[in-house]
Amino acid sequence: MNGETRNERSALAYTIAVLGAFLIVGLLVWAMHHYTQPPPLGANRAAERAKALAELRAAENDALNNLRSIPCRSPSSMSASPPSR
């Protein structure tokens, strides 16, 4: 019976050690989350971001839906003469 009690005690010690390790890791995760969380956006910053997003979407819509002419060179600059030496 002494051997069985020893096994139970060592199992209990391992269980407590594992639970303690999880508790320590959980506390570290909570601390990192608490200290690395960015400050909340103010009303001014939220308005700036909304305005920038609206401008970006308007520019994308303009680029997608409006045909632009592609500039090309004049025919005189496209002559087939070899470069002079």
PDB file of N, CA and C in Angstrom:
ATOM      1  N   MET A   1       0.803  -1.195   0.000  1.00  0.00           N
ATOM      2  CA  MET A   1       0.000   0.000   0.000  1.00  0.00           C
ATOM      3  C   MET A   1       0.846   1.259   0.000  1.00  0.00           C
ATOM      4  N   ASN A   2       2.016   1.153   0.540  1.00  0.00           N
ATOM      5  CA  ASN A   2       2.897   2.311   0.602  1.00  0.00           C
ATOM      6  C   ASN A   2       3.278   2.776  -0.800  1.00  0.00           C
ATOM      7  N   GLY A   3       3.441   1.817  -1.727  1.00  0.00           N
ATOM      8  CA  GLY A   3       3.775   2.159  -3.107  1.00  0.00           C
ATOM      9  C   GLY A   3       2.631   2.873  -3.811  1.00  0.00           C
ATOM     10  N   GLU A   4       1.396   2.452  -3.515  1.00  0.00           N
ATOM     11  CA  GLU A   4       0.229   3.095  -4.118  1.00  0.00           C
ATOM     12  C   GLU A   4       0.052   4.522  -3.601  1.00  0.00           C
ATOM     13  N   THR A   5       0.309   4.754  -2.342  1.00  0.00           N
ATOM     14  CA  THR A   5       0.203   6.096  -1.773  1.00  0.00           C
ATOM     15  C   THR A   5       1.249   7.010  -2.383  1.00  0.00           C
ATOM     16  N   ARG A   6       2.425   6.481  -2.587  1.00  0.00           N
ATOM     17  CA  ARG A   6       3.500   7.255  -3.199  1.00  0.00           C
ATOM     18  C   ARG A   6       3.131   7.650  -4.634  1.00  0.00           C
ATOM     19  N   ASN A   7       2.547   6.717  -5.398  1.00  0.00           N
ATOM     20  CA  ASN A   7       2.121   7.011  -6.768  1.00  0.00           C
ATOM     21  C   ASN A   7       1.019   8.061  -6.788  1.00  0.00           C
ATOM     22  N   GLU A   8       0.085   7.969  -5.853  1.00  0.00           N
ATOM     23  CA  GLU A   8      -0.996   8.951  -5.796  1.00  0.00           C
ATOM     24  C   GLU A   8      -0.457  10.340  -5.449  1.00  0.00           C
ATOM     25  N   ARG A   9       0.491  10.368  -4.525  1.00  0.00           N
ATOM     26  CA  ARG A   9       1.066  11.657  -4.139  1.00  0.00           C
ATOM     27  C   ARG A   9       1.880  12.275  -5.279  1.00  0.00           C
ATOM     28  N   SER A  10       2.621  11.449  -6.003  1.00  0.00           N
ATOM     29  CA  SER A  10       3.398  11.998  -7.119  1.00  0.00           C
ATOM     30  C   SER A  10       2.460  12.458  -8.246  1.00  0.00           C
ATOM     31  N   ALA A  11       1.367  11.745  -8.469  1.00  0.00           N
ATOM     32  CA  ALA A  11       0.395  12.168  -9.476  1.00  0.00           C
ATOM     33  C   ALA A  11      -0.248  13.482  -9.064  1.00  0.00           C
ATOM     34  N   LEU A  12      -0.558  13.617  -7.771  1.00  0.00           N
ATOM     35  CA  LEU A  12      -1.126  14.864  -7.275  1.00  0.00           C
ATOM     36  C   LEU A  12      -0.124  16.015  -7.426  1.00  0.00           C
ATOM     37  N   ALA A  13       1.140  15.753  -7.156  1.00  0.00           N
ATOM     38  CA  ALA A  13       2.171  16.788  -7.296  1.00  0.00           C
ATOM     39  C   ALA A  13       2.308  17.222  -8.758  1.00  0.00           C
ATOM     40  N   TYR A  14       2.292  16.269  -9.679  1.00  0.00           N
ATOM     41  CA  TYR A  14       2.366  16.615 -11.098  1.00  0.00           C
ATOM     42  C   TYR A  14       1.138  17.406 -11.543  1.00  0.00           C
ATOM     43  N   THR A  15      -0.021  17.022 -11.055  1.00  0.00           N
ATOM     44  CA  THR A  15      -1.249  17.732 -11.406  1.00  0.00           C
ATOM     45  C   THR A  15      -1.199  19.176 -10.916  1.00  0.00           C
ATOM     46  N   ILE A  16      -0.760  19.361  -9.679  1.00  0.00           N
ATOM     47  CA  ILE A  16      -0.638  20.716  -9.141  1.00  0.00           C
ATOM     48  C   ILE A  16       0.401  21.519  -9.913  1.00  0.00           C
ATOM     49  N   ALA A  17       1.509  20.886 -10.297  1.00  0.00           N
ATOM     50  CA  ALA A  17       2.542  21.579 -11.064  1.00  0.00           C
ATOM     51  C   ALA A  17       2.018  22.012 -12.436  1.00  0.00           C
ATOM     52  N   VAL A  18       1.275  21.133 -13.099  1.00  0.00           N
ATOM     53  CA  VAL A  18       0.718  21.470 -14.422  1.00  0.00           C
ATOM     54  C   VAL A  18      -0.299  22.598 -14.297  1.00  0.00           C
ATOM     55  N   LEU A  19      -1.171  22.520 -13.299  1.00  0.00           N
ATOM     56  CA  LEU A  19      -2.148  23.592 -13.099  1.00  0.00           C
ATOM     57  C   LEU A  19      -1.457  24.917 -12.765  1.00  0.00           C
ATOM     58  N   GLY A  20      -0.402  24.861 -11.965  1.00  0.00           N
ATOM     59  CA  GLY A  20       0.359  26.072 -11.659  1.00  0.00           C
ATOM     60  C   GLY A  20       1.006  26.663 -12.894  1.00  0.00           C
ATOM     61  N   ALA A  21       1.534  25.803 -13.772  1.00  0.00           N
ATOM     62  CA  ALA A  21       2.141  26.296 -15.009  1.00  0.00           C
ATOM     63  C   ALA A  21       1.102  26.966 -15.891  1.00  0.00           C
ATOM     64  N   PHE A  22      -0.091  26.357 -15.990  1.00  0.00           N
ATOM     65  CA  PHE A  22      -1.161  26.981 -16.772  1.00  0.00           C
ATOM     66  C   PHE A  22      -1.582  28.316 -16.171  1.00  0.00           C
ATOM     67  N   LEU A  23      -1.616  28.402 -14.856  1.00  0.00           N
ATOM     68  CA  LEU A  23      -1.974  29.648 -14.193  1.00  0.00           C
ATOM     69  C   LEU A  23      -0.943  30.737 -14.494  1.00  0.00           C
ATOM     70  N   ILE A  24       0.333  30.387 -14.444  1.00  0.00           N
ATOM     71  CA  ILE A  24       1.388  31.363 -14.736  1.00  0.00           C
ATOM     72  C   ILE A  24       1.295  31.833 -16.183  1.00  0.00           C
ATOM     73  N   VAL A  25       1.103  30.908 -17.113  1.00  0.00           N
ATOM     74  CA  VAL A  25       0.990  31.285 -18.530  1.00  0.00           C
ATOM     75  C   VAL A  25      -0.246  32.148 -18.750  1.00  0.00           C
ATOM     76  N   GLY A  26      -1.350  31.803 -18.105  1.00  0.00           N
ATOM     77  CA  GLY A  26      -2.565  32.606 -18.235  1.00  0.00           C
ATOM     78  C   GLY A  26      -2.362  34.022 -17.723  1.00  0.00           C
ATOM     79  N   LEU A  27      -1.669  34.165 -16.603  1.00  0.00           N
ATOM     80  CA  LEU A  27      -1.377  35.500 -16.079  1.00  0.00           C
ATOM     81  C   LEU A  27      -0.474  36.291 -17.023  1.00  0.00           C
ATOM     82  N   LEU A  28       0.498  35.637 -17.619  1.00  0.00           N
ATOM     83  CA  LEU A  28       1.374  36.318 -18.583  1.00  0.00           C
ATOM     84  C   LEU A  28       0.603  36.760 -19.826  1.00  0.00           C
ATOM     85  N   VAL A  29      -0.301  35.922 -20.303  1.00  0.00           N
ATOM     86  CA  VAL A  29      -1.116  36.286 -21.466  1.00  0.00           C
ATOM     87  C   VAL A  29      -1.999  37.481 -21.129  1.00  0.00           C
ATOM     88  N   TRP A  30      -2.622  37.464 -19.954  1.00  0.00           N
ATOM     89  CA  TRP A  30      -3.465  38.582 -19.541  1.00  0.00           C
ATOM     90  C   TRP A  30      -2.647  39.868 -19.459  1.00  0.00           C
ATOM     91  N   ALA A  31      -1.440  39.801 -18.864  1.00  0.00           N
ATOM     92  CA  ALA A  31      -0.599  40.989 -18.734  1.00  0.00           C
ATOM     93  C   ALA A  31      -0.185  41.525 -20.110  1.00  0.00           C
ATOM     94  N   MET A  32       0.202  40.631 -21.017  1.00  0.00           N
ATOM     95  CA  MET A  32       0.594  41.083 -22.359  1.00  0.00           C
ATOM     96  C   MET A  32      -0.582  41.721 -23.081  1.00  0.00           C
ATOM     97  N   HIS A  33      -1.750  41.145 -22.951  1.00  0.00           N
ATOM     98  CA  HIS A  33      -2.933  41.719 -23.591  1.00  0.00           C
ATOM     99  C   HIS A  33      -3.250  43.090 -22.997  1.00  0.00           C
ATOM    100  N   HIS A  34      -3.117  43.206 -21.708  1.00  0.00           N
ATOM    101  CA  HIS A  34      -3.416  44.469 -21.023  1.00  0.00           C
ATOM    102  C   HIS A  34      -2.426  45.570 -21.423  1.00  0.00           C
ATOM    103  N   TYR A  35      -1.143  45.242 -21.491  1.00  0.00           N
ATOM    104  CA  TYR A  35      -0.119  46.265 -21.748  1.00  0.00           C
ATOM    105  C   TYR A  35       0.088  46.580 -23.220  1.00  0.00           C
ATOM    106  N   THR A  36      -0.314  45.701 -24.119  1.00  0.00           N
ATOM    107  CA  THR A  36      -0.079  45.944 -25.547  1.00  0.00           C
ATOM    108  C   THR A  36      -1.323  46.392 -26.291  1.00  0.00           C
ATOM    109  N   GLN A  37      -2.430  46.575 -25.611  1.00  0.00           N
ATOM    110  CA  GLN A  37      -3.666  46.996 -26.274  1.00  0.00           C
ATOM    111  C   GLN A  37      -3.565  48.475 -26.652  1.00  0.00           C
ATOM    112  N   PRO A  38      -3.834  48.812 -27.931  1.00  0.00           N
ATOM    113  CA  PRO A  38      -3.740  50.222 -28.343  1.00  0.00           C
ATOM    114  C   PRO A  38      -4.859  51.050 -27.724  1.00  0.00           C
ATOM    115  N   PRO A  39      -4.630  52.339 -27.597  1.00  0.00           N
ATOM    116  CA  PRO A  39      -5.686  53.185 -27.034  1.00  0.00           C
ATOM    117  C   PRO A  39      -6.879  53.263 -27.990  1.00  0.00           C
ATOM    118  N   PRO A  40      -8.067  53.478 -27.469  1.00  0.00           N
ATOM    119  CA  PRO A  40      -9.240  53.555 -28.341  1.00  0.00           C
ATOM    120  C   PRO A  40      -9.177  54.785 -29.241  1.00  0.00           C
ATOM    121  N   LEU A  41      -9.787  54.666 -30.402  1.00  0.00           N
ATOM    122  CA  LEU A  41      -9.792  55.774 -31.346  1.00  0.00           C
ATOM    123  C   LEU A  41     -10.702  56.885 -30.843  1.00  0.00           C
ATOM    124  N   GLY A  42     -10.221  58.097 -30.973  1.00  0.00           N
ATOM    125  CA  GLY A  42     -11.066  59.233 -30.633  1.00  0.00           C
ATOM    126  C   GLY A  42     -12.004  59.542 -31.785  1.00  0.00           C
ATOM    127  N   ALA A  43     -12.931  60.415 -31.549  1.00  0.00           N
ATOM    128  CA  ALA A  43     -13.903  60.769 -32.584  1.00  0.00           C
ATOM    129  C   ALA A  43     -13.209  61.441 -33.767  1.00  0.00           C
ATOM    130  N   ASN A  44     -12.197  62.264 -33.490  1.00  0.00           N
ATOM    131  CA  ASN A  44     -11.483  62.947 -34.575  1.00  0.00           C
ATOM    132  C   ASN A  44     -10.758  61.941 -35.466  1.00  0.00           C
ATOM    133  N   ARG A  45     -10.050  60.999 -34.842  1.00  0.00           N
ATOM    134  CA  ARG A  45      -9.293  60.011 -35.613  1.00  0.00           C
ATOM    135  C   ARG A  45     -10.239  59.110 -36.408  1.00  0.00           C
ATOM    136  N   ALA A  46     -11.367  58.751 -35.828  1.00  0.00           N
ATOM    137  CA  ALA A  46     -12.340  57.929 -36.549  1.00  0.00           C
ATOM    138  C   ALA A  46     -12.895  58.677 -37.751  1.00  0.00           C
ATOM    139  N   ALA A  47     -13.131  59.978 -37.609  1.00  0.00           N
ATOM    140  CA  ALA A  47     -13.633  60.777 -38.733  1.00  0.00           C
ATOM    141  C   ALA A  47     -12.571  60.879 -39.828  1.00  0.00           C
ATOM    142  N   GLU A  48     -11.294  61.044 -39.442  1.00  0.00           N
ATOM    143  CA  GLU A  48     -10.213  61.102 -40.438  1.00  0.00           C
ATOM    144  C   GLU A  48     -10.118  59.792 -41.206  1.00  0.00           C
ATOM    145  N   ARG A  49     -10.214  58.682 -40.495  1.00  0.00           N
ATOM    146  CA  ARG A  49     -10.118  57.378 -41.160  1.00  0.00           C
ATOM    147  C   ARG A  49     -11.299  57.149 -42.087  1.00  0.00           C
ATOM    148  N   ALA A  50     -12.503  57.555 -41.682  1.00  0.00           N
ATOM    149  CA  ALA A  50     -13.684  57.399 -42.531  1.00  0.00           C
ATOM    150  C   ALA A  50     -13.561  58.253 -43.786  1.00  0.00           C
ATOM    151  N   LYS A  51     -13.027  59.471 -43.639  1.00  0.00           N
ATOM    152  CA  LYS A  51     -12.844  60.355 -44.798  1.00  0.00           C
ATOM    153  C   LYS A  51     -11.814  59.770 -45.760  1.00  0.00           C
ATOM    154  N   ALA A  52     -10.699  59.262 -45.223  1.00  0.00           N
ATOM    155  CA  ALA A  52      -9.669  58.668 -46.077  1.00  0.00           C
ATOM    156  C   ALA A  52     -10.203  57.445 -46.808  1.00  0.00           C
ATOM    157  N   LEU A  53     -11.002  56.633 -46.127  1.00  0.00           N
ATOM    158  CA  LEU A  53     -11.586  55.459 -46.771  1.00  0.00           C
ATOM    159  C   LEU A  53     -12.549  55.863 -47.878  1.00  0.00           C
ATOM    160  N   ALA A  54     -13.349  56.890 -47.646  1.00  0.00           N
ATOM    161  CA  ALA A  54     -14.281  57.358 -48.672  1.00  0.00           C
ATOM    162  C   ALA A  54     -13.526  57.883 -49.889  1.00  0.00           C
ATOM    163  N   GLU A  55     -12.440  58.633 -49.660  1.00  0.00           N
ATOM    164  CA  GLU A  55     -11.631  59.137 -50.779  1.00  0.00           C
ATOM    165  C   GLU A  55     -10.991  57.993 -51.558  1.00  0.00           C
ATOM    166  N   LEU A  56     -10.496  56.992 -50.849  1.00  0.00           N
ATOM    167  CA  LEU A  56      -9.879  55.846 -51.507  1.00  0.00           C
ATOM    168  C   LEU A  56     -10.895  55.088 -52.350  1.00  0.00           C
ATOM    169  N   ARG A  57     -12.064  54.857 -51.809  1.00  0.00           N
ATOM    170  CA  ARG A  57     -13.101  54.143 -52.567  1.00  0.00           C
ATOM    171  C   ARG A  57     -13.570  54.946 -53.770  1.00  0.00           C
ATOM    172  N   ALA A  58     -13.638  56.266 -53.646  1.00  0.00           N
ATOM    173  CA  ALA A  58     -14.027  57.100 -54.783  1.00  0.00           C
ATOM    174  C   ALA A  58     -12.969  57.023 -55.883  1.00  0.00           C
ATOM    175  N   ALA A  59     -11.699  57.058 -55.503  1.00  0.00           N
ATOM    176  CA  ALA A  59     -10.622  56.964 -56.498  1.00  0.00           C
ATOM    177  C   ALA A  59     -10.624  55.597 -57.172  1.00  0.00           C
ATOM    178  N   GLU A  60     -10.848  54.533 -56.398  1.00  0.00           N
ATOM    179  CA  GLU A  60     -10.923  53.195 -56.990  1.00  0.00           C
ATOM    180  C   GLU A  60     -12.100  53.083 -57.951  1.00  0.00           C
ATOM    181  N   ASN A  61     -13.237  53.619 -57.567  1.00  0.00           N
ATOM    182  CA  ASN A  61     -14.418  53.576 -58.423  1.00  0.00           C
ATOM    183  C   ASN A  61     -14.165  54.352 -59.716  1.00  0.00           C
ATOM    184  N   ASP A  62     -13.523  55.495 -59.599  1.00  0.00           N
ATOM    185  CA  ASP A  62     -13.202  56.297 -60.778  1.00  0.00           C
ATOM    186  C   ASP A  62     -12.255  55.538 -61.704  1.00  0.00           C
ATOM    187  N   ALA A  63     -11.233  54.895 -61.129  1.00  0.00           N
ATOM    188  CA  ALA A  63     -10.255  54.165 -61.940  1.00  0.00           C
ATOM    189  C   ALA A  63     -10.889  52.947 -62.618  1.00  0.00           C
ATOM    190  N   LEU A  64     -11.830  52.316 -61.948  1.00  0.00           N
ATOM    191  CA  LEU A  64     -12.446  51.118 -62.527  1.00  0.00           C
ATOM    192  C   LEU A  64     -13.493  51.432 -63.595  1.00  0.00           C
ATOM    193  N   ASN A  65     -14.207  52.517 -63.432  1.00  0.00           N
ATOM    194  CA  ASN A  65     -15.358  52.765 -64.290  1.00  0.00           C
ATOM    195  C   ASN A  65     -15.141  53.820 -65.371  1.00  0.00           C
ATOM    196  N   ASN A  66     -14.049  54.534 -65.368  1.00  0.00           N
ATOM    197  CA  ASN A  66     -13.811  55.559 -66.381  1.00  0.00           C
ATOM    198  C   ASN A  66     -12.638  55.166 -67.254  1.00  0.00           C
ATOM    199  N   LEU A  67     -12.868  55.278 -68.554  1.00  0.00           N
ATOM    200  CA  LEU A  67     -11.835  54.953 -69.527  1.00  0.00           C
ATOM    201  C   LEU A  67     -10.886  56.125 -69.669  1.00  0.00           C
ATOM    202  N   ARG A  68      -9.641  55.861 -69.591  1.00  0.00           N
ATOM    203  CA  ARG A  68      -8.622  56.899 -69.742  1.00  0.00           C
ATOM    204  C   ARG A  68      -7.876  56.645 -71.050  1.00  0.00           C
ATOM    205  N   SER A  69      -7.461  57.712 -71.685  1.00  0.00           N
ATOM    206  CA  SER A  69      -6.700  57.542 -72.917  1.00  0.00           C
ATOM    207  C   SER A  69      -5.240  57.253 -72.554  1.00  0.00           C
ATOM    208  N   ILE A  70      -4.634  56.392 -73.323  1.00  0.00           N
ATOM    209  CA  ILE A  70      -3.238  56.035 -73.101  1.00  0.00           C
ATOM    210  C   ILE A  70      -2.393  56.961 -73.962  1.00  0.00           C
ATOM    211  N   PRO A  71      -1.486  57.723 -73.373  1.00  0.00           N
ATOM    212  CA  PRO A  71      -0.665  58.618 -74.190  1.00  0.00           C
ATOM    213  C   PRO A  71       0.290  57.802 -75.064  1.00  0.00           C
ATOM    214  N   CYS A  72       0.413  58.213 -76.301  1.00  0.00           N
ATOM    215  CA  CYS A  72       1.339  57.523 -77.187  1.00  0.00           C
ATOM    216  C   CYS A  72       2.283  58.553 -77.822  1.00  0.00           C
ATOM    217  N   ARG A  73       3.367  58.055 -78.348  1.00  0.00           N
ATOM    218  CA  ARG A  73       4.338  58.945 -78.983  1.00  0.00           C
ATOM    219  C   ARG A  73       3.842  59.383 -80.356  1.00  0.00           C
ATOM    220  N   SER A  74       4.334  60.508 -80.761  1.00  0.00           N
ATOM    221  CA  SER A  74       3.973  60.972 -82.096  1.00  0.00           C
ATOM    222  C   SER A  74       4.684  60.100 -83.134  1.00  0.00           C
ATOM    223  N   PRO A  75       4.123  59.972 -84.324  1.00  0.00           N
ATOM    224  CA  PRO A  75       4.740  59.121 -85.350  1.00  0.00           C
ATOM    225  C   PRO A  75       6.141  59.587 -85.741  1.00  0.00           C
ATOM    226  N   SER A  76       6.440  60.863 -85.638  1.00  0.00           N
ATOM    227  CA  SER A  76       7.766  61.324 -86.038  1.00  0.00           C
ATOM    228  C   SER A  76       8.846  60.854 -85.067  1.00  0.00           C
ATOM    229  N   SER A  77       8.523  60.668 -83.842  1.00  0.00           N
ATOM    230  CA  SER A  77       9.524  60.208 -82.892  1.00  0.00           C
ATOM    231  C   SER A  77       9.721  58.701 -82.948  1.00  0.00           C
ATOM    232  N   MET A  78       8.882  58.015 -83.710  1.00  0.00           N
ATOM    233  CA  MET A  78       8.976  56.574 -83.815  1.00  0.00           C
ATOM    234  C   MET A  78       9.653  56.142 -85.114  1.00  0.00           C
ATOM    235  N   SER A  79      10.485  56.980 -85.691  1.00  0.00           N
ATOM    236  CA  SER A  79      11.125  56.632 -86.958  1.00  0.00           C
ATOM    237  C   SER A  79      12.094  55.476 -86.751  1.00  0.00           C
ATOM    238  N   ALA A  80      12.339  54.748 -87.831  1.00  0.00           N
ATOM    239  CA  ALA A  80      13.167  53.547 -87.768  1.00  0.00           C
ATOM    240  C   ALA A  80      14.616  53.853 -88.113  1.00  0.00           C
ATOM    241  N   SER A  81      15.060  55.067 -87.991  1.00  0.00           N
ATOM    242  CA  SER A  81      16.450  55.378 -88.329  1.00  0.00           C
ATOM    243  C   SER A  81      17.375  54.883 -87.227  1.00  0.00           C
ATOM    244  N   PRO A  82      18.554  54.381 -87.627  1.00  0.00           N
ATOM    245  CA  PRO A  82      19.499  53.886 -86.627  1.00  0.00           C
ATOM    246  C   PRO A  82      20.078  55.055 -85.834  1.00  0.00           C
ATOM    247  N   PRO A  83      20.506  54.816 -84.633  1.00  0.00           N
ATOM    248  CA  PRO A  83      21.084  55.898 -83.827  1.00  0.00           C
ATOM    249  C   PRO A  83      22.362  56.419 -84.454  1.00  0.00           C
ATOM    250  N   SER A  84      22.593  57.705 -84.346  1.00  0.00           N
ATOM    251  CA  SER A  84      23.803  58.306 -84.947  1.00  0.00           C
ATOM    252  C   SER A  84      25.000  58.056 -84.041  1.00  0.00           C
ATOM    253  N   ARG A  85      26.182  57.966 -84.703  1.00  0.00           N
ATOM    254  CA  ARG A  85      27.408  57.720 -83.952  1.00  0.00           C
ATOM    255  C   ARG A  85      28.204  58.957 -83.798  1.00  0.00           C
TER     256      ARG A  85
END
